[in-house]
N, C-alpha and C. Protein backbone atom coordinates (compact mmCIF):
# COMPACT_ATOMS: atom_id res chain seq x y z
N MET A 1 121.04 -143.80 -54.79
CA MET A 1 121.30 -142.74 -55.80
C MET A 1 120.86 -142.71 -56.89
N LYS A 2 120.61 -142.57 -57.98
CA LYS A 2 119.93 -141.89 -59.05
C LYS A 2 120.87 -141.48 -60.17
N LYS A 3 121.47 -141.61 -61.06
CA LYS A 3 122.23 -141.03 -62.31
C LYS A 3 121.15 -140.92 -63.25
N LEU A 4 120.57 -139.99 -63.96
CA LEU A 4 120.44 -139.81 -64.84
C LEU A 4 120.81 -138.88 -66.53
N ILE A 5 121.20 -139.37 -67.35
CA ILE A 5 122.17 -138.89 -68.62
C ILE A 5 120.65 -138.30 -69.49
N LEU A 6 120.48 -137.19 -69.98
CA LEU A 6 119.56 -136.39 -70.84
C LEU A 6 120.74 -136.23 -72.37
N ILE A 7 120.23 -136.60 -72.79
CA ILE A 7 120.51 -136.07 -73.77
C ILE A 7 120.57 -135.94 -75.53
N ARG A 8 119.91 -134.91 -75.73
CA ARG A 8 119.24 -133.80 -76.96
C ARG A 8 119.27 -134.71 -77.83
N HIS A 9 118.24 -134.95 -78.93
CA HIS A 9 118.52 -135.88 -80.38
C HIS A 9 119.52 -134.96 -81.08
N ALA A 10 120.41 -135.77 -82.18
CA ALA A 10 121.49 -134.60 -82.83
C ALA A 10 120.89 -133.74 -83.82
N LYS A 11 121.60 -133.28 -84.27
CA LYS A 11 121.39 -132.32 -85.61
C LYS A 11 120.34 -132.82 -86.72
N SER A 12 118.83 -132.48 -87.04
CA SER A 12 118.19 -133.76 -87.84
C SER A 12 118.02 -132.55 -89.78
N ASN A 13 117.99 -132.70 -90.28
CA ASN A 13 117.42 -132.97 -91.54
C ASN A 13 116.20 -132.13 -91.52
N TRP A 14 116.56 -130.89 -92.26
CA TRP A 14 114.19 -129.48 -92.26
C TRP A 14 114.66 -129.99 -93.51
N ASP A 15 115.35 -130.78 -94.80
CA ASP A 15 115.28 -129.56 -96.02
C ASP A 15 113.91 -130.35 -97.20
N THR A 16 113.41 -132.12 -95.88
CA THR A 16 112.22 -132.82 -96.68
C THR A 16 111.18 -132.72 -96.26
N PRO A 17 110.13 -132.47 -96.99
CA PRO A 17 109.01 -132.71 -96.29
C PRO A 17 108.35 -133.20 -95.99
N LEU A 18 108.71 -133.74 -94.29
CA LEU A 18 108.27 -135.05 -93.26
C LEU A 18 107.62 -134.18 -92.49
N LYS A 19 106.76 -134.93 -92.11
CA LYS A 19 106.13 -134.75 -90.67
C LYS A 19 107.02 -134.97 -89.81
N ASP A 20 106.81 -133.52 -88.60
CA ASP A 20 108.61 -133.53 -87.40
C ASP A 20 108.66 -134.74 -86.74
N ILE A 21 107.66 -135.33 -86.44
CA ILE A 21 108.42 -136.93 -86.19
C ILE A 21 109.47 -138.04 -87.15
N ASP A 22 108.98 -137.89 -88.58
CA ASP A 22 110.14 -138.18 -89.03
C ASP A 22 111.05 -137.73 -89.45
N ARG A 23 111.94 -136.51 -89.42
CA ARG A 23 112.62 -135.79 -89.65
C ARG A 23 113.97 -137.31 -89.56
N PRO A 24 114.82 -137.39 -90.64
CA PRO A 24 116.22 -137.99 -90.07
C PRO A 24 116.96 -137.24 -89.68
N LEU A 25 117.98 -137.54 -89.31
CA LEU A 25 119.42 -136.61 -89.32
C LEU A 25 120.04 -136.04 -90.40
N ASP A 26 120.52 -134.96 -89.87
CA ASP A 26 121.66 -134.58 -91.53
C ASP A 26 123.22 -135.06 -91.52
N GLN A 27 124.01 -134.90 -91.68
CA GLN A 27 125.15 -134.76 -92.11
C GLN A 27 125.79 -135.20 -91.24
N ARG A 28 125.61 -133.34 -90.52
CA ARG A 28 126.20 -132.81 -88.86
C ARG A 28 125.85 -133.22 -88.10
N GLY A 29 124.07 -133.73 -88.29
CA GLY A 29 123.78 -134.79 -87.03
C GLY A 29 124.09 -135.82 -86.71
N PHE A 30 124.44 -137.06 -87.59
CA PHE A 30 125.59 -137.77 -87.89
C PHE A 30 127.11 -137.70 -86.58
N LYS A 31 127.47 -137.14 -87.65
CA LYS A 31 129.26 -136.85 -87.01
C LYS A 31 129.27 -136.44 -85.87
N ASP A 32 128.12 -135.55 -85.41
CA ASP A 32 128.16 -135.17 -83.78
C ASP A 32 128.10 -136.23 -83.19
N ALA A 33 126.44 -136.92 -83.07
CA ALA A 33 126.40 -137.86 -82.13
C ALA A 33 127.22 -139.30 -82.13
N HIS A 34 128.34 -139.12 -83.29
CA HIS A 34 130.00 -140.26 -83.38
C HIS A 34 130.37 -139.98 -82.46
N LEU A 35 130.87 -137.99 -82.38
CA LEU A 35 132.08 -137.42 -81.52
C LEU A 35 131.92 -137.82 -80.22
N VAL A 36 130.12 -137.60 -80.09
CA VAL A 36 130.47 -137.02 -78.31
C VAL A 36 130.05 -138.05 -77.70
N SER A 37 129.57 -139.71 -78.25
CA SER A 37 129.82 -140.50 -78.27
C SER A 37 130.66 -141.49 -77.64
N LEU A 38 131.39 -141.14 -78.48
CA LEU A 38 133.06 -141.45 -78.23
C LEU A 38 134.42 -141.33 -77.37
N HIS A 39 133.32 -140.15 -76.69
CA HIS A 39 133.80 -139.83 -74.93
C HIS A 39 132.97 -139.32 -73.70
N ILE A 40 132.32 -140.71 -74.36
CA ILE A 40 131.43 -140.67 -72.48
C ILE A 40 131.93 -141.82 -72.04
N ASN A 41 132.40 -142.98 -72.68
CA ASN A 41 132.86 -144.21 -71.08
C ASN A 41 133.46 -143.88 -70.26
N ASN A 42 133.95 -142.43 -69.66
CA ASN A 42 134.08 -142.17 -68.55
C ASN A 42 132.65 -141.61 -67.48
N PHE A 43 132.13 -141.35 -68.35
CA PHE A 43 131.16 -140.79 -66.98
C PHE A 43 129.93 -141.41 -67.89
N ILE A 44 129.26 -142.75 -68.26
CA ILE A 44 128.33 -143.54 -67.64
C ILE A 44 128.58 -145.13 -66.96
N PRO A 45 127.83 -144.85 -66.29
CA PRO A 45 127.85 -146.18 -65.04
C PRO A 45 127.76 -147.15 -65.79
N LYS A 46 128.15 -148.24 -65.06
CA LYS A 46 128.38 -149.90 -65.52
C LYS A 46 127.21 -150.27 -65.85
N LYS A 47 126.40 -150.30 -65.23
CA LYS A 47 124.83 -150.43 -64.97
C LYS A 47 123.28 -149.12 -66.00
N PHE A 48 123.24 -149.22 -66.40
CA PHE A 48 122.07 -148.43 -67.18
C PHE A 48 121.29 -149.12 -67.99
N LEU A 49 119.51 -148.08 -68.12
CA LEU A 49 118.57 -148.58 -69.10
C LEU A 49 118.44 -147.38 -70.29
N ILE A 50 118.99 -147.33 -71.14
CA ILE A 50 118.42 -146.55 -72.16
C ILE A 50 116.82 -145.94 -73.13
N TRP A 51 116.24 -145.50 -72.45
CA TRP A 51 115.05 -144.50 -73.70
C TRP A 51 114.97 -143.86 -74.15
N SER A 52 113.91 -143.79 -75.31
CA SER A 52 114.41 -142.97 -76.46
C SER A 52 112.51 -142.74 -77.27
N SER A 53 112.94 -140.94 -77.62
CA SER A 53 111.78 -141.03 -78.25
C SER A 53 111.31 -141.89 -79.50
N VAL A 54 110.26 -141.64 -79.79
CA VAL A 54 109.84 -142.45 -81.38
C VAL A 54 110.28 -141.74 -82.00
N ALA A 55 111.04 -140.43 -81.89
CA ALA A 55 110.69 -139.62 -83.64
C ALA A 55 112.31 -140.21 -83.98
N LYS A 56 111.85 -140.97 -85.40
CA LYS A 56 112.92 -140.97 -86.57
C LYS A 56 114.89 -140.02 -85.51
N ARG A 57 115.13 -139.54 -85.76
CA ARG A 57 116.01 -138.70 -85.68
C ARG A 57 116.24 -138.85 -83.60
N ALA A 58 116.15 -138.77 -82.91
CA ALA A 58 115.95 -139.77 -81.81
C ALA A 58 116.49 -140.75 -81.44
N SER A 59 115.76 -141.40 -82.32
CA SER A 59 115.83 -142.74 -81.70
C SER A 59 116.61 -143.13 -82.69
N ASP A 60 117.41 -142.29 -84.09
CA ASP A 60 118.61 -142.57 -84.74
C ASP A 60 119.54 -142.77 -83.57
N THR A 61 120.12 -141.15 -83.06
CA THR A 61 121.03 -141.24 -82.15
C THR A 61 120.78 -142.24 -81.21
N ALA A 62 119.92 -142.44 -80.54
CA ALA A 62 119.89 -143.58 -78.95
C ALA A 62 120.35 -144.57 -79.88
N VAL A 63 120.49 -145.62 -81.66
CA VAL A 63 121.43 -146.25 -81.84
C VAL A 63 122.42 -145.75 -82.10
N ILE A 64 123.35 -144.67 -82.85
CA ILE A 64 124.30 -144.18 -82.77
C ILE A 64 125.20 -144.55 -80.90
N PHE A 65 124.41 -143.79 -79.83
CA PHE A 65 125.17 -143.82 -78.73
C PHE A 65 125.74 -145.87 -78.53
N ALA A 66 124.00 -145.90 -79.33
CA ALA A 66 124.43 -147.63 -78.10
C ALA A 66 125.70 -148.07 -78.53
N GLN A 67 125.77 -147.62 -80.17
CA GLN A 67 126.92 -148.78 -81.46
C GLN A 67 127.50 -148.47 -80.30
N ASN A 68 128.32 -147.01 -79.89
CA ASN A 68 128.95 -147.34 -79.65
C ASN A 68 129.49 -146.73 -77.74
N ILE A 69 128.55 -147.41 -77.17
CA ILE A 69 129.20 -147.79 -75.85
C ILE A 69 128.58 -149.16 -75.84
N LEU A 70 128.65 -149.61 -77.29
CA LEU A 70 128.93 -151.32 -76.92
C LEU A 70 127.32 -151.57 -76.41
N TYR A 71 125.76 -150.85 -76.54
CA TYR A 71 124.54 -151.87 -75.52
C TYR A 71 124.37 -152.03 -76.61
N PRO A 72 123.15 -152.64 -76.53
CA PRO A 72 122.13 -153.75 -77.39
C PRO A 72 121.26 -153.29 -77.81
N ILE A 73 121.59 -152.55 -79.16
CA ILE A 73 119.74 -151.97 -79.55
C ILE A 73 118.70 -152.71 -79.51
N GLU A 74 119.30 -153.97 -79.33
CA GLU A 74 117.54 -154.14 -79.30
C GLU A 74 116.97 -154.23 -77.71
N SER A 75 117.86 -153.12 -76.62
CA SER A 75 117.33 -153.19 -75.52
C SER A 75 117.13 -151.68 -74.90
N ILE A 76 116.54 -150.67 -76.45
CA ILE A 76 116.83 -149.81 -76.48
C ILE A 76 115.21 -149.75 -75.94
N LEU A 77 114.51 -148.62 -75.10
CA LEU A 77 113.22 -148.43 -75.24
C LEU A 77 112.78 -147.17 -75.81
N TYR A 78 111.51 -147.26 -76.90
CA TYR A 78 110.74 -146.50 -77.36
C TYR A 78 109.90 -146.03 -76.67
N LYS A 79 110.17 -145.00 -76.44
CA LYS A 79 108.33 -144.79 -75.09
C LYS A 79 108.30 -143.00 -76.44
N GLU A 80 106.69 -143.65 -76.86
CA GLU A 80 106.47 -142.37 -77.45
C GLU A 80 105.99 -140.77 -76.58
N ALA A 81 105.76 -141.10 -74.78
CA ALA A 81 105.23 -140.20 -74.06
C ALA A 81 106.59 -139.37 -74.12
N LEU A 82 107.05 -139.63 -74.74
CA LEU A 82 108.77 -138.46 -74.37
C LEU A 82 109.26 -138.39 -76.59
N TYR A 83 108.39 -138.71 -76.95
CA TYR A 83 108.06 -137.47 -77.89
C TYR A 83 107.33 -136.17 -77.65
N THR A 84 108.15 -135.05 -76.68
CA THR A 84 107.45 -134.02 -75.88
C THR A 84 108.54 -133.30 -75.89
N PHE A 85 108.04 -131.94 -75.77
CA PHE A 85 108.60 -130.86 -76.01
C PHE A 85 108.66 -129.88 -74.49
N ASP A 86 107.57 -131.00 -73.36
CA ASP A 86 107.58 -130.17 -72.01
C ASP A 86 108.17 -130.46 -71.60
N GLU A 87 109.20 -129.89 -70.10
CA GLU A 87 109.79 -130.48 -69.45
C GLU A 87 108.19 -131.13 -68.02
N ASN A 88 107.34 -130.91 -68.07
CA ASN A 88 106.49 -131.69 -67.01
C ASN A 88 106.01 -132.93 -67.68
N GLN A 89 106.40 -133.14 -68.29
CA GLN A 89 105.56 -134.05 -68.93
C GLN A 89 106.93 -135.47 -69.24
N LEU A 90 108.00 -134.47 -69.22
CA LEU A 90 109.51 -135.83 -69.23
C LEU A 90 109.15 -136.06 -67.72
N GLU A 91 109.09 -135.11 -66.64
CA GLU A 91 109.43 -135.47 -65.42
C GLU A 91 109.19 -135.80 -65.13
N LYS A 92 107.66 -135.62 -65.76
CA LYS A 92 106.35 -137.51 -65.47
C LYS A 92 106.84 -138.83 -66.06
N ILE A 93 107.66 -138.99 -67.06
CA ILE A 93 108.17 -139.52 -67.34
C ILE A 93 109.13 -140.03 -66.53
N ILE A 94 110.46 -139.64 -65.84
CA ILE A 94 111.47 -140.09 -65.52
C ILE A 94 111.02 -140.37 -64.18
N LYS A 95 109.67 -139.90 -63.57
CA LYS A 95 109.84 -140.08 -62.42
C LYS A 95 108.91 -141.66 -62.09
N SER A 96 108.15 -142.04 -63.39
CA SER A 96 107.97 -143.26 -63.56
C SER A 96 109.16 -144.29 -63.91
N CYS A 97 110.32 -144.28 -64.05
CA CYS A 97 110.92 -145.35 -63.75
C CYS A 97 111.08 -146.24 -62.96
N SER A 98 111.24 -147.40 -63.04
CA SER A 98 111.44 -148.95 -62.24
C SER A 98 112.64 -148.27 -60.92
N ASP A 99 112.52 -148.33 -59.52
CA ASP A 99 113.48 -147.77 -58.94
C ASP A 99 114.17 -149.02 -58.73
N THR A 100 114.64 -150.10 -59.91
CA THR A 100 115.12 -151.08 -59.81
C THR A 100 116.83 -150.81 -60.46
N TYR A 101 116.57 -149.90 -61.52
CA TYR A 101 118.10 -149.42 -62.38
C TYR A 101 117.75 -147.96 -61.36
N ASP A 102 118.93 -147.62 -61.34
CA ASP A 102 120.15 -146.69 -60.50
C ASP A 102 120.14 -145.76 -61.60
N SER A 103 120.33 -145.82 -63.29
CA SER A 103 121.24 -145.21 -63.68
C SER A 103 120.23 -144.92 -65.28
N LEU A 104 119.67 -144.11 -66.08
CA LEU A 104 118.62 -144.21 -66.98
C LEU A 104 119.50 -143.21 -67.61
N ILE A 105 119.73 -144.11 -69.16
CA ILE A 105 120.03 -142.54 -70.22
C ILE A 105 118.66 -142.34 -71.09
N LEU A 106 118.50 -141.38 -70.98
CA LEU A 106 117.81 -140.98 -72.05
C LEU A 106 117.81 -140.02 -73.44
N PHE A 107 116.91 -140.40 -73.99
CA PHE A 107 117.31 -139.15 -75.54
C PHE A 107 116.11 -138.33 -75.42
N GLY A 108 116.43 -137.19 -76.30
CA GLY A 108 114.45 -136.77 -75.63
C GLY A 108 115.25 -135.21 -76.61
N HIS A 109 113.83 -133.39 -76.55
CA HIS A 109 113.65 -133.30 -76.96
C HIS A 109 113.52 -131.64 -76.70
N ASN A 110 114.20 -130.92 -77.39
CA ASN A 110 114.28 -129.34 -76.41
C ASN A 110 112.91 -128.76 -76.49
N GLY A 111 113.19 -127.80 -75.66
CA GLY A 111 113.13 -127.34 -74.86
C GLY A 111 113.00 -128.44 -73.02
N ALA A 112 112.14 -129.62 -73.91
CA ALA A 112 111.95 -130.11 -72.71
C ALA A 112 113.74 -130.53 -71.18
N ILE A 113 114.49 -130.94 -72.47
CA ILE A 113 115.53 -130.86 -72.08
C ILE A 113 115.86 -129.60 -71.06
N THR A 114 116.93 -129.22 -72.01
CA THR A 114 117.30 -127.64 -71.55
C THR A 114 116.42 -127.02 -69.49
N ASN A 115 115.22 -127.53 -70.47
CA ASN A 115 113.78 -127.21 -69.03
C ASN A 115 114.39 -127.82 -68.40
N PHE A 116 114.02 -129.37 -67.61
CA PHE A 116 114.68 -129.86 -67.22
C PHE A 116 115.67 -129.80 -66.18
N VAL A 117 117.15 -129.94 -67.11
CA VAL A 117 118.00 -129.97 -66.53
C VAL A 117 117.49 -128.53 -65.72
N ASN A 118 117.96 -127.25 -65.94
CA ASN A 118 118.02 -126.33 -65.43
C ASN A 118 116.95 -126.17 -64.24
N LYS A 119 116.11 -127.30 -63.79
CA LYS A 119 115.09 -127.50 -63.03
C LYS A 119 115.56 -127.89 -62.26
N PHE A 120 116.21 -129.58 -61.99
CA PHE A 120 117.14 -129.88 -61.57
C PHE A 120 117.91 -130.47 -61.37
N GLY A 121 118.53 -129.94 -62.33
CA GLY A 121 120.66 -129.47 -62.05
C GLY A 121 120.69 -128.25 -61.51
N ASP A 122 122.33 -128.32 -61.27
CA ASP A 122 122.76 -126.75 -60.22
C ASP A 122 123.64 -126.28 -61.13
N VAL A 123 123.88 -126.50 -62.95
CA VAL A 123 124.33 -125.55 -63.74
C VAL A 123 122.97 -125.17 -64.46
N PHE A 124 123.27 -124.19 -64.72
CA PHE A 124 122.76 -123.44 -65.34
C PHE A 124 122.97 -123.49 -66.85
N ILE A 125 122.53 -124.32 -67.49
CA ILE A 125 122.49 -124.20 -69.11
C ILE A 125 121.52 -123.14 -70.23
N GLY A 126 121.74 -122.43 -70.77
CA GLY A 126 120.96 -121.50 -71.57
C GLY A 126 120.23 -122.50 -72.29
N ASN A 127 121.20 -123.35 -73.31
CA ASN A 127 120.23 -124.28 -74.51
C ASN A 127 121.20 -125.21 -74.11
N VAL A 128 120.59 -126.19 -74.13
CA VAL A 128 121.91 -127.55 -74.57
C VAL A 128 121.18 -127.85 -75.64
N PRO A 129 122.55 -128.09 -76.81
CA PRO A 129 122.41 -128.20 -78.08
C PRO A 129 122.14 -129.07 -78.61
N THR A 130 121.77 -129.25 -79.56
CA THR A 130 121.90 -130.85 -80.45
C THR A 130 123.06 -131.43 -80.35
N SER A 131 122.98 -132.86 -80.17
CA SER A 131 123.92 -134.44 -79.25
C SER A 131 124.52 -133.56 -77.94
N GLY A 132 123.65 -133.23 -77.84
CA GLY A 132 124.05 -132.42 -76.16
C GLY A 132 123.90 -133.50 -74.89
N PHE A 133 125.39 -134.14 -74.62
CA PHE A 133 124.66 -134.58 -73.20
C PHE A 133 125.26 -134.22 -71.91
N VAL A 134 124.19 -134.12 -70.61
CA VAL A 134 124.19 -133.98 -69.82
C VAL A 134 123.58 -134.64 -68.43
N SER A 135 124.68 -134.60 -67.39
CA SER A 135 124.37 -135.88 -66.41
C SER A 135 123.90 -135.39 -65.37
N ILE A 136 123.31 -136.26 -64.44
CA ILE A 136 123.08 -135.40 -63.15
C ILE A 136 122.64 -136.60 -61.94
N GLU A 137 123.30 -136.63 -60.95
CA GLU A 137 122.70 -137.70 -59.86
C GLU A 137 121.37 -136.44 -59.36
N PHE A 138 121.03 -137.53 -58.66
CA PHE A 138 120.00 -137.13 -57.27
C PHE A 138 120.09 -138.31 -55.87
N ASP A 139 120.34 -137.16 -54.79
CA ASP A 139 120.25 -138.48 -53.67
C ASP A 139 119.88 -138.96 -52.73
N THR A 140 119.01 -139.86 -54.05
CA THR A 140 118.05 -140.84 -53.60
C THR A 140 118.21 -141.68 -53.85
N ASP A 141 117.22 -142.54 -53.77
CA ASP A 141 116.58 -143.93 -54.09
C ASP A 141 115.10 -144.27 -54.71
N TYR A 142 114.98 -143.00 -55.48
CA TYR A 142 113.69 -143.64 -56.11
C TYR A 142 113.58 -142.55 -56.78
N TRP A 143 113.38 -143.49 -58.17
CA TRP A 143 112.81 -141.86 -59.10
C TRP A 143 111.37 -140.66 -58.85
N GLU A 144 110.77 -141.19 -58.38
CA GLU A 144 109.70 -140.73 -58.38
C GLU A 144 110.29 -139.48 -56.82
N THR A 145 111.18 -139.33 -56.51
CA THR A 145 111.87 -138.29 -55.52
C THR A 145 112.52 -137.34 -55.92
N ILE A 146 113.24 -137.64 -56.79
CA ILE A 146 113.96 -136.30 -57.47
C ILE A 146 113.47 -135.18 -57.47
N ASN A 147 114.19 -134.88 -56.36
CA ASN A 147 114.84 -133.29 -56.67
C ASN A 147 115.39 -132.96 -56.90
N HIS A 148 116.22 -131.83 -56.44
CA HIS A 148 118.06 -130.73 -57.12
C HIS A 148 118.18 -132.18 -57.09
N GLY A 149 119.07 -132.34 -58.54
CA GLY A 149 120.21 -132.64 -57.96
C GLY A 149 121.93 -132.14 -58.36
N THR A 150 122.75 -133.15 -58.61
CA THR A 150 123.85 -132.12 -59.34
C THR A 150 124.89 -132.02 -60.35
N THR A 151 125.18 -132.08 -60.96
CA THR A 151 125.32 -132.17 -62.75
C THR A 151 126.01 -132.02 -62.41
N LYS A 152 126.81 -133.49 -62.97
CA LYS A 152 128.47 -133.85 -62.96
C LYS A 152 129.11 -133.63 -64.28
N LYS A 153 128.51 -134.13 -65.42
CA LYS A 153 128.95 -133.96 -66.74
C LYS A 153 128.13 -133.23 -67.73
N ILE A 154 129.20 -132.54 -68.66
CA ILE A 154 128.76 -131.65 -69.17
C ILE A 154 129.58 -132.00 -70.16
N ILE A 155 128.42 -132.15 -72.06
CA ILE A 155 129.41 -132.73 -72.77
C ILE A 155 128.50 -131.53 -74.16
N ILE A 156 129.45 -130.92 -74.86
CA ILE A 156 128.87 -130.29 -76.01
C ILE A 156 129.14 -130.82 -77.54
N PRO A 157 128.55 -130.96 -78.79
CA PRO A 157 130.20 -130.96 -79.40
C PRO A 157 131.08 -129.70 -80.21
N LYS A 158 130.54 -128.88 -79.53
CA LYS A 158 131.96 -127.75 -79.87
C LYS A 158 132.98 -127.82 -79.08
N ASP A 159 132.64 -128.73 -78.29
CA ASP A 159 134.18 -128.10 -76.81
C ASP A 159 134.97 -129.16 -76.86
N LEU A 160 134.20 -130.45 -78.82
CA LEU A 160 135.01 -131.73 -78.85
C LEU A 160 135.78 -131.60 -79.89
N LYS A 161 135.66 -130.23 -80.94
CA LYS A 161 135.82 -129.85 -82.20
C LYS A 161 137.22 -129.38 -81.78
């Protein structure tokens, strides 16, 4: 059994003229990331790996979640390839995960996340919002063979407010 948790980065700040990869979180992003991360303890596995996009907004979101779920921030793996908006690229990266890990938490970007969860999960989600959490389980022992999974949990900030 493989368990995948996809988390879209928190709301970012568009006010400053920065390259897209360098955009930081805005105030709502910080609040929503803390809000969601404080409500996921019952829905995460005991052992897992965290991967994050190298984009500032994604990596900052990953750090907030890691701190709130007591995961060592120095163990977060940052991957340039996760700075993608394409679900096919996202699928390739996920399928490259070592089978020694049964659970992966991934921080990334939309449309890749929304399109991925709609392709691989069994619940249609029109749009995974910023700070959105989606957990999918796959009945396989190999990341390379993940196919149609079961969407186990969806947590979005507005449902917690």
